[in-house]
């Protein structure tokens, strides 16, 4: 017997089935937590809880045209921006990085020098570029899903991902402790970023 889909759980939850709602949250808790981990220093629990609370409050306005994951990440992105606007009034998601905002290294687990360098490099990108890359590599979201979350066209998503990869490459080269480390990391950039996803997070 197959597990109920997100939409089936959501519909049951809309009908008052709290167990279905809890199952839906349990299914996506790890992804939402991962979304915040490389962007926030300190406890992310409040932001994670606020994301799910907002999804509860807006569940009747969610019409199911997108996936439930897209819905959650859209909420998480807006809450992340609100968090940073509380730290810096001039916050710009396309101009501000978590490093520029003074955020220290978070709780992501890195098992090699290359992975640690990549996590640092990701945090030097503007927030929206970092969000785009991490959702693409770590959560496997499609261009249309990213377009909805980032509130841009699919064409803009493609150009933004291209800019993000180029910026990440430059940052890696700047952060590398040796030309050899920089060159080897850049050569395997896509694979290394992907490996920092679910199995590499704490």
C-alpha atoms as a PDB file:
ATOM      1  CA  UNK A   1       0.000   0.000   0.000  1.00  0.00           C
ATOM      2  CA  UNK A   2       1.458   3.349  -1.051  1.00  0.00           C
ATOM      3  CA  UNK A   3       1.861   6.241   1.340  1.00  0.00           C
ATOM      4  CA  UNK A   4      -0.595   9.132   1.002  1.00  0.00           C
ATOM      5  CA  UNK A   5       0.626  12.023  -1.116  1.00  0.00           C
ATOM      6  CA  UNK A   6       1.226  15.483   0.269  1.00  0.00           C
ATOM      7  CA  UNK A   7      -2.027  16.618  -1.297  1.00  0.00           C
ATOM      8  CA  UNK A   8      -3.962  13.749   0.262  1.00  0.00           C
ATOM      9  CA  UNK A   9      -2.491  14.568   3.667  1.00  0.00           C
ATOM     10  CA  UNK A  10      -3.209  18.242   3.166  1.00  0.00           C
ATOM     11  CA  UNK A  11      -6.822  17.556   2.218  1.00  0.00           C
ATOM     12  CA  UNK A  12      -7.294  15.328   5.257  1.00  0.00           C
ATOM     13  CA  UNK A  13      -5.704  18.011   7.390  1.00  0.00           C
ATOM     14  CA  UNK A  14      -8.066  20.599   5.951  1.00  0.00           C
ATOM     15  CA  UNK A  15     -10.909  18.349   7.056  1.00  0.00           C
ATOM     16  CA  UNK A  16      -9.603  18.452  10.630  1.00  0.00           C
ATOM     17  CA  UNK A  17      -7.332  15.387  10.735  1.00  0.00           C
ATOM     18  CA  UNK A  18      -4.459  16.597  12.924  1.00  0.00           C
ATOM     19  CA  UNK A  19      -2.611  13.298  12.561  1.00  0.00           C
ATOM     20  CA  UNK A  20      -2.481  13.881   8.794  1.00  0.00           C
ATOM     21  CA  UNK A  21      -1.167  17.399   9.433  1.00  0.00           C
ATOM     22  CA  UNK A  22       1.494  16.064  11.762  1.00  0.00           C
ATOM     23  CA  UNK A  23       2.522  13.463   9.193  1.00  0.00           C
ATOM     24  CA  UNK A  24       2.826  16.176   6.550  1.00  0.00           C
ATOM     25  CA  UNK A  25       5.041  18.269   8.811  1.00  0.00           C
ATOM     26  CA  UNK A  26       7.196  15.284   9.772  1.00  0.00           C
ATOM     27  CA  UNK A  27       7.686  14.535   6.092  1.00  0.00           C
ATOM     28  CA  UNK A  28       9.134  17.996   5.383  1.00  0.00           C
ATOM     29  CA  UNK A  29      10.731  18.977   8.676  1.00  0.00           C
ATOM     30  CA  UNK A  30      14.256  17.957   7.641  1.00  0.00           C
ATOM     31  CA  UNK A  31      14.102  19.970   4.415  1.00  0.00           C
ATOM     32  CA  UNK A  32      12.824  23.113   6.100  1.00  0.00           C
ATOM     33  CA  UNK A  33      15.461  22.803   8.834  1.00  0.00           C
ATOM     34  CA  UNK A  34      18.166  22.326   6.189  1.00  0.00           C
ATOM     35  CA  UNK A  35      16.959  25.476   4.413  1.00  0.00           C
ATOM     36  CA  UNK A  36      17.892  27.621   7.410  1.00  0.00           C
ATOM     37  CA  UNK A  37      21.029  25.837   8.658  1.00  0.00           C
ATOM     38  CA  UNK A  38      23.644  27.385   6.363  1.00  0.00           C
ATOM     39  CA  UNK A  39      22.103  30.849   6.579  1.00  0.00           C
ATOM     40  CA  UNK A  40      21.422  31.445  10.272  1.00  0.00           C
ATOM     41  CA  UNK A  41      23.825  31.446  13.206  1.00  0.00           C
ATOM     42  CA  UNK A  42      22.362  30.073  16.407  1.00  0.00           C
ATOM     43  CA  UNK A  43      19.028  28.388  16.971  1.00  0.00           C
ATOM     44  CA  UNK A  44      16.855  27.911  13.888  1.00  0.00           C
ATOM     45  CA  UNK A  45      13.976  26.279  15.755  1.00  0.00           C
ATOM     46  CA  UNK A  46      11.837  29.419  15.897  1.00  0.00           C
ATOM     47  CA  UNK A  47      12.139  30.012  12.162  1.00  0.00           C
ATOM     48  CA  UNK A  48      11.309  26.385  11.416  1.00  0.00           C
ATOM     49  CA  UNK A  49       8.280  26.489  13.712  1.00  0.00           C
ATOM     50  CA  UNK A  50       7.173  29.823  12.235  1.00  0.00           C
ATOM     51  CA  UNK A  51       7.342  28.307   8.743  1.00  0.00           C
ATOM     52  CA  UNK A  52       4.999  25.510   9.692  1.00  0.00           C
ATOM     53  CA  UNK A  53       2.765  27.852  11.674  1.00  0.00           C
ATOM     54  CA  UNK A  54       2.439  30.104   8.625  1.00  0.00           C
ATOM     55  CA  UNK A  55       1.597  27.091   6.477  1.00  0.00           C
ATOM     56  CA  UNK A  56      -1.131  26.151   8.963  1.00  0.00           C
ATOM     57  CA  UNK A  57      -2.549  29.664   8.954  1.00  0.00           C
ATOM     58  CA  UNK A  58      -2.505  29.846   5.149  1.00  0.00           C
ATOM     59  CA  UNK A  59      -3.528  26.289   4.354  1.00  0.00           C
ATOM     60  CA  UNK A  60      -7.001  27.262   3.116  1.00  0.00           C
ATOM     61  CA  UNK A  61      -5.438  29.749   0.689  1.00  0.00           C
ATOM     62  CA  UNK A  62      -3.128  27.078  -0.729  1.00  0.00           C
ATOM     63  CA  UNK A  63      -4.861  25.903  -3.898  1.00  0.00           C
ATOM     64  CA  UNK A  64      -2.540  23.056  -4.806  1.00  0.00           C
ATOM     65  CA  UNK A  65      -1.261  24.477  -8.080  1.00  0.00           C
ATOM     66  CA  UNK A  66       2.288  23.908  -6.835  1.00  0.00           C
ATOM     67  CA  UNK A  67       3.832  21.216  -4.671  1.00  0.00           C
ATOM     68  CA  UNK A  68       3.531  21.432  -0.919  1.00  0.00           C
ATOM     69  CA  UNK A  69       7.341  21.637  -0.715  1.00  0.00           C
ATOM     70  CA  UNK A  70       7.309  24.701  -2.984  1.00  0.00           C
ATOM     71  CA  UNK A  71       4.673  26.242  -0.726  1.00  0.00           C
ATOM     72  CA  UNK A  72       6.800  25.628   2.379  1.00  0.00           C
ATOM     73  CA  UNK A  73      10.033  26.920   0.838  1.00  0.00           C
ATOM     74  CA  UNK A  74       8.237  30.071  -0.350  1.00  0.00           C
ATOM     75  CA  UNK A  75       7.145  30.707   3.234  1.00  0.00           C
ATOM     76  CA  UNK A  76      10.633  29.901   4.569  1.00  0.00           C
ATOM     77  CA  UNK A  77      12.244  32.323   2.122  1.00  0.00           C
ATOM     78  CA  UNK A  78       9.964  35.181   3.176  1.00  0.00           C
ATOM     79  CA  UNK A  79      10.610  34.470   6.854  1.00  0.00           C
ATOM     80  CA  UNK A  80      14.356  34.356   6.214  1.00  0.00           C
ATOM     81  CA  UNK A  81      14.184  37.771   4.543  1.00  0.00           C
ATOM     82  CA  UNK A  82      12.144  39.182   7.422  1.00  0.00           C
ATOM     83  CA  UNK A  83      14.764  37.827   9.837  1.00  0.00           C
ATOM     84  CA  UNK A  84      17.577  39.576   7.962  1.00  0.00           C
ATOM     85  CA  UNK A  85      15.621  42.825   7.622  1.00  0.00           C
ATOM     86  CA  UNK A  86      15.494  42.802  11.408  1.00  0.00           C
ATOM     87  CA  UNK A  87      19.307  42.744  11.408  1.00  0.00           C
ATOM     88  CA  UNK A  88      19.902  45.204   8.567  1.00  0.00           C
ATOM     89  CA  UNK A  89      17.369  47.752   7.340  1.00  0.00           C
ATOM     90  CA  UNK A  90      19.135  47.968   3.966  1.00  0.00           C
ATOM     91  CA  UNK A  91      18.996  44.189   3.423  1.00  0.00           C
ATOM     92  CA  UNK A  92      18.831  43.270  -0.270  1.00  0.00           C
ATOM     93  CA  UNK A  93      18.360  39.575  -1.167  1.00  0.00           C
ATOM     94  CA  UNK A  94      20.256  40.086  -4.436  1.00  0.00           C
ATOM     95  CA  UNK A  95      22.994  42.206  -2.886  1.00  0.00           C
ATOM     96  CA  UNK A  96      23.455  40.980   0.691  1.00  0.00           C
ATOM     97  CA  UNK A  97      25.219  37.785   1.704  1.00  0.00           C
ATOM     98  CA  UNK A  98      25.069  36.078   5.089  1.00  0.00           C
ATOM     99  CA  UNK A  99      28.790  36.831   5.466  1.00  0.00           C
ATOM    100  CA  UNK A 100      28.217  40.539   4.820  1.00  0.00           C
ATOM    101  CA  UNK A 101      25.407  40.450   7.384  1.00  0.00           C
ATOM    102  CA  UNK A 102      27.839  39.153  10.005  1.00  0.00           C
ATOM    103  CA  UNK A 103      26.427  35.635  10.278  1.00  0.00           C
ATOM    104  CA  UNK A 104      28.978  33.158  11.637  1.00  0.00           C
ATOM    105  CA  UNK A 105      29.446  29.608  10.368  1.00  0.00           C
ATOM    106  CA  UNK A 106      26.333  27.562  11.023  1.00  0.00           C
ATOM    107  CA  UNK A 107      25.719  23.960  11.975  1.00  0.00           C
ATOM    108  CA  UNK A 108      26.237  22.278   8.604  1.00  0.00           C
ATOM    109  CA  UNK A 109      28.528  19.260   8.737  1.00  0.00           C
ATOM    110  CA  UNK A 110      31.516  19.201   6.385  1.00  0.00           C
ATOM    111  CA  UNK A 111      33.809  16.180   6.212  1.00  0.00           C
ATOM    112  CA  UNK A 112      36.620  17.560   4.090  1.00  0.00           C
ATOM    113  CA  UNK A 113      38.502  20.778   3.457  1.00  0.00           C
ATOM    114  CA  UNK A 114      36.750  21.114   0.098  1.00  0.00           C
ATOM    115  CA  UNK A 115      33.308  20.825   1.727  1.00  0.00           C
ATOM    116  CA  UNK A 116      34.130  23.373   4.433  1.00  0.00           C
ATOM    117  CA  UNK A 117      35.384  25.749   1.771  1.00  0.00           C
ATOM    118  CA  UNK A 118      32.219  25.266  -0.294  1.00  0.00           C
ATOM    119  CA  UNK A 119      29.982  26.030   2.694  1.00  0.00           C
ATOM    120  CA  UNK A 120      31.936  29.226   3.300  1.00  0.00           C
ATOM    121  CA  UNK A 121      31.788  30.072  -0.396  1.00  0.00           C
ATOM    122  CA  UNK A 122      28.009  29.566  -0.527  1.00  0.00           C
ATOM    123  CA  UNK A 123      27.650  32.038   2.317  1.00  0.00           C
ATOM    124  CA  UNK A 124      29.502  34.737   0.353  1.00  0.00           C
ATOM    125  CA  UNK A 125      26.845  34.694  -2.382  1.00  0.00           C
ATOM    126  CA  UNK A 126      23.876  37.031  -2.251  1.00  0.00           C
ATOM    127  CA  UNK A 127      21.054  35.427  -0.273  1.00  0.00           C
ATOM    128  CA  UNK A 128      18.813  34.724  -3.253  1.00  0.00           C
ATOM    129  CA  UNK A 129      21.671  33.159  -5.224  1.00  0.00           C
ATOM    130  CA  UNK A 130      22.520  30.979  -2.227  1.00  0.00           C
ATOM    131  CA  UNK A 131      18.863  29.984  -1.849  1.00  0.00           C
ATOM    132  CA  UNK A 132      18.620  29.133  -5.551  1.00  0.00           C
ATOM    133  CA  UNK A 133      21.727  26.938  -5.566  1.00  0.00           C
ATOM    134  CA  UNK A 134      20.902  25.097  -2.345  1.00  0.00           C
ATOM    135  CA  UNK A 135      17.306  24.376  -3.345  1.00  0.00           C
ATOM    136  CA  UNK A 136      18.448  23.222  -6.780  1.00  0.00           C
ATOM    137  CA  UNK A 137      21.251  20.936  -5.575  1.00  0.00           C
ATOM    138  CA  UNK A 138      20.087  19.861  -2.124  1.00  0.00           C
ATOM    139  CA  UNK A 139      16.328  19.623  -2.607  1.00  0.00           C
ATOM    140  CA  UNK A 140      16.250  18.764  -6.319  1.00  0.00           C
ATOM    141  CA  UNK A 141      13.722  21.461  -7.186  1.00  0.00           C
ATOM    142  CA  UNK A 142      12.893  22.114 -10.830  1.00  0.00           C
ATOM    143  CA  UNK A 143      13.228  25.397 -12.662  1.00  0.00           C
ATOM    144  CA  UNK A 144       9.486  26.045 -12.484  1.00  0.00           C
ATOM    145  CA  UNK A 145       9.461  25.342  -8.740  1.00  0.00           C
ATOM    146  CA  UNK A 146      12.405  27.677  -8.201  1.00  0.00           C
ATOM    147  CA  UNK A 147      10.681  30.340 -10.306  1.00  0.00           C
ATOM    148  CA  UNK A 148       7.677  30.233  -8.001  1.00  0.00           C
ATOM    149  CA  UNK A 149       9.768  30.347  -4.826  1.00  0.00           C
ATOM    150  CA  UNK A 150      12.063  33.132  -6.083  1.00  0.00           C
ATOM    151  CA  UNK A 151       9.113  34.989  -7.656  1.00  0.00           C
ATOM    152  CA  UNK A 152      10.769  35.296 -11.054  1.00  0.00           C
ATOM    153  CA  UNK A 153      10.288  33.799 -14.505  1.00  0.00           C
ATOM    154  CA  UNK A 154      11.758  30.383 -15.450  1.00  0.00           C
ATOM    155  CA  UNK A 155      14.127  32.205 -17.822  1.00  0.00           C
ATOM    156  CA  UNK A 156      15.376  34.350 -14.939  1.00  0.00           C
ATOM    157  CA  UNK A 157      15.898  31.208 -12.847  1.00  0.00           C
ATOM    158  CA  UNK A 158      18.211  29.793 -15.516  1.00  0.00           C
ATOM    159  CA  UNK A 159      20.260  32.984 -15.683  1.00  0.00           C
ATOM    160  CA  UNK A 160      20.305  33.269 -11.885  1.00  0.00           C
ATOM    161  CA  UNK A 161      21.599  29.716 -11.483  1.00  0.00           C
ATOM    162  CA  UNK A 162      24.282  30.439 -14.065  1.00  0.00           C
ATOM    163  CA  UNK A 163      25.302  33.599 -12.183  1.00  0.00           C
ATOM    164  CA  UNK A 164      25.271  31.711  -8.901  1.00  0.00           C
ATOM    165  CA  UNK A 165      27.582  28.979 -10.214  1.00  0.00           C
ATOM    166  CA  UNK A 166      29.979  31.571 -11.628  1.00  0.00           C
ATOM    167  CA  UNK A 167      29.998  33.508  -8.350  1.00  0.00           C
ATOM    168  CA  UNK A 168      30.526  30.314  -6.371  1.00  0.00           C
ATOM    169  CA  UNK A 169      33.454  29.347  -8.593  1.00  0.00           C
ATOM    170  CA  UNK A 170      35.073  32.756  -8.028  1.00  0.00           C
ATOM    171  CA  UNK A 171      34.513  32.547  -4.279  1.00  0.00           C
ATOM    172  CA  UNK A 172      36.023  29.051  -4.120  1.00  0.00           C
ATOM    173  CA  UNK A 173      39.120  30.253  -5.967  1.00  0.00           C
ATOM    174  CA  UNK A 174      39.440  33.186  -3.545  1.00  0.00           C
ATOM    175  CA  UNK A 175      39.011  31.006  -0.433  1.00  0.00           C
ATOM    176  CA  UNK A 176      41.210  28.090  -1.501  1.00  0.00           C
ATOM    177  CA  UNK A 177      44.238  27.511   0.700  1.00  0.00           C
ATOM    178  CA  UNK A 178      46.242  26.489  -2.356  1.00  0.00           C
ATOM    179  CA  UNK A 179      45.854  26.721  -6.138  1.00  0.00           C
ATOM    180  CA  UNK A 180      45.635  22.920  -6.274  1.00  0.00           C
ATOM    181  CA  UNK A 181      42.737  22.779  -3.801  1.00  0.00           C
ATOM    182  CA  UNK A 182      40.960  25.561  -5.669  1.00  0.00           C
ATOM    183  CA  UNK A 183      41.413  23.895  -9.039  1.00  0.00           C
ATOM    184  CA  UNK A 184      40.273  20.451  -7.854  1.00  0.00           C
ATOM    185  CA  UNK A 185      37.228  21.921  -6.097  1.00  0.00           C
ATOM    186  CA  UNK A 186      36.197  23.976  -9.119  1.00  0.00           C
ATOM    187  CA  UNK A 187      36.645  20.946 -11.373  1.00  0.00           C
ATOM    188  CA  UNK A 188      34.145  18.957  -9.287  1.00  0.00           C
ATOM    189  CA  UNK A 189      31.999  21.879  -8.172  1.00  0.00           C
ATOM    190  CA  UNK A 190      28.567  20.484  -9.046  1.00  0.00           C
ATOM    191  CA  UNK A 191      29.237  17.084  -7.487  1.00  0.00           C
ATOM    192  CA  UNK A 192      30.736  18.564  -4.328  1.00  0.00           C
ATOM    193  CA  UNK A 193      27.849  20.994  -3.782  1.00  0.00           C
ATOM    194  CA  UNK A 194      25.351  18.176  -4.279  1.00  0.00           C
ATOM    195  CA  UNK A 195      27.185  16.024  -1.703  1.00  0.00           C
ATOM    196  CA  UNK A 196      26.702  18.744   0.909  1.00  0.00           C
ATOM    197  CA  UNK A 197      22.960  18.059   0.785  1.00  0.00           C
ATOM    198  CA  UNK A 198      20.811  15.763   2.947  1.00  0.00           C
ATOM    199  CA  UNK A 199      23.406  13.128   3.800  1.00  0.00           C
ATOM    200  CA  UNK A 200      25.948  15.786   4.797  1.00  0.00           C
ATOM    201  CA  UNK A 201      23.822  17.880   7.114  1.00  0.00           C
ATOM    202  CA  UNK A 202      23.354  17.720  10.842  1.00  0.00           C
END
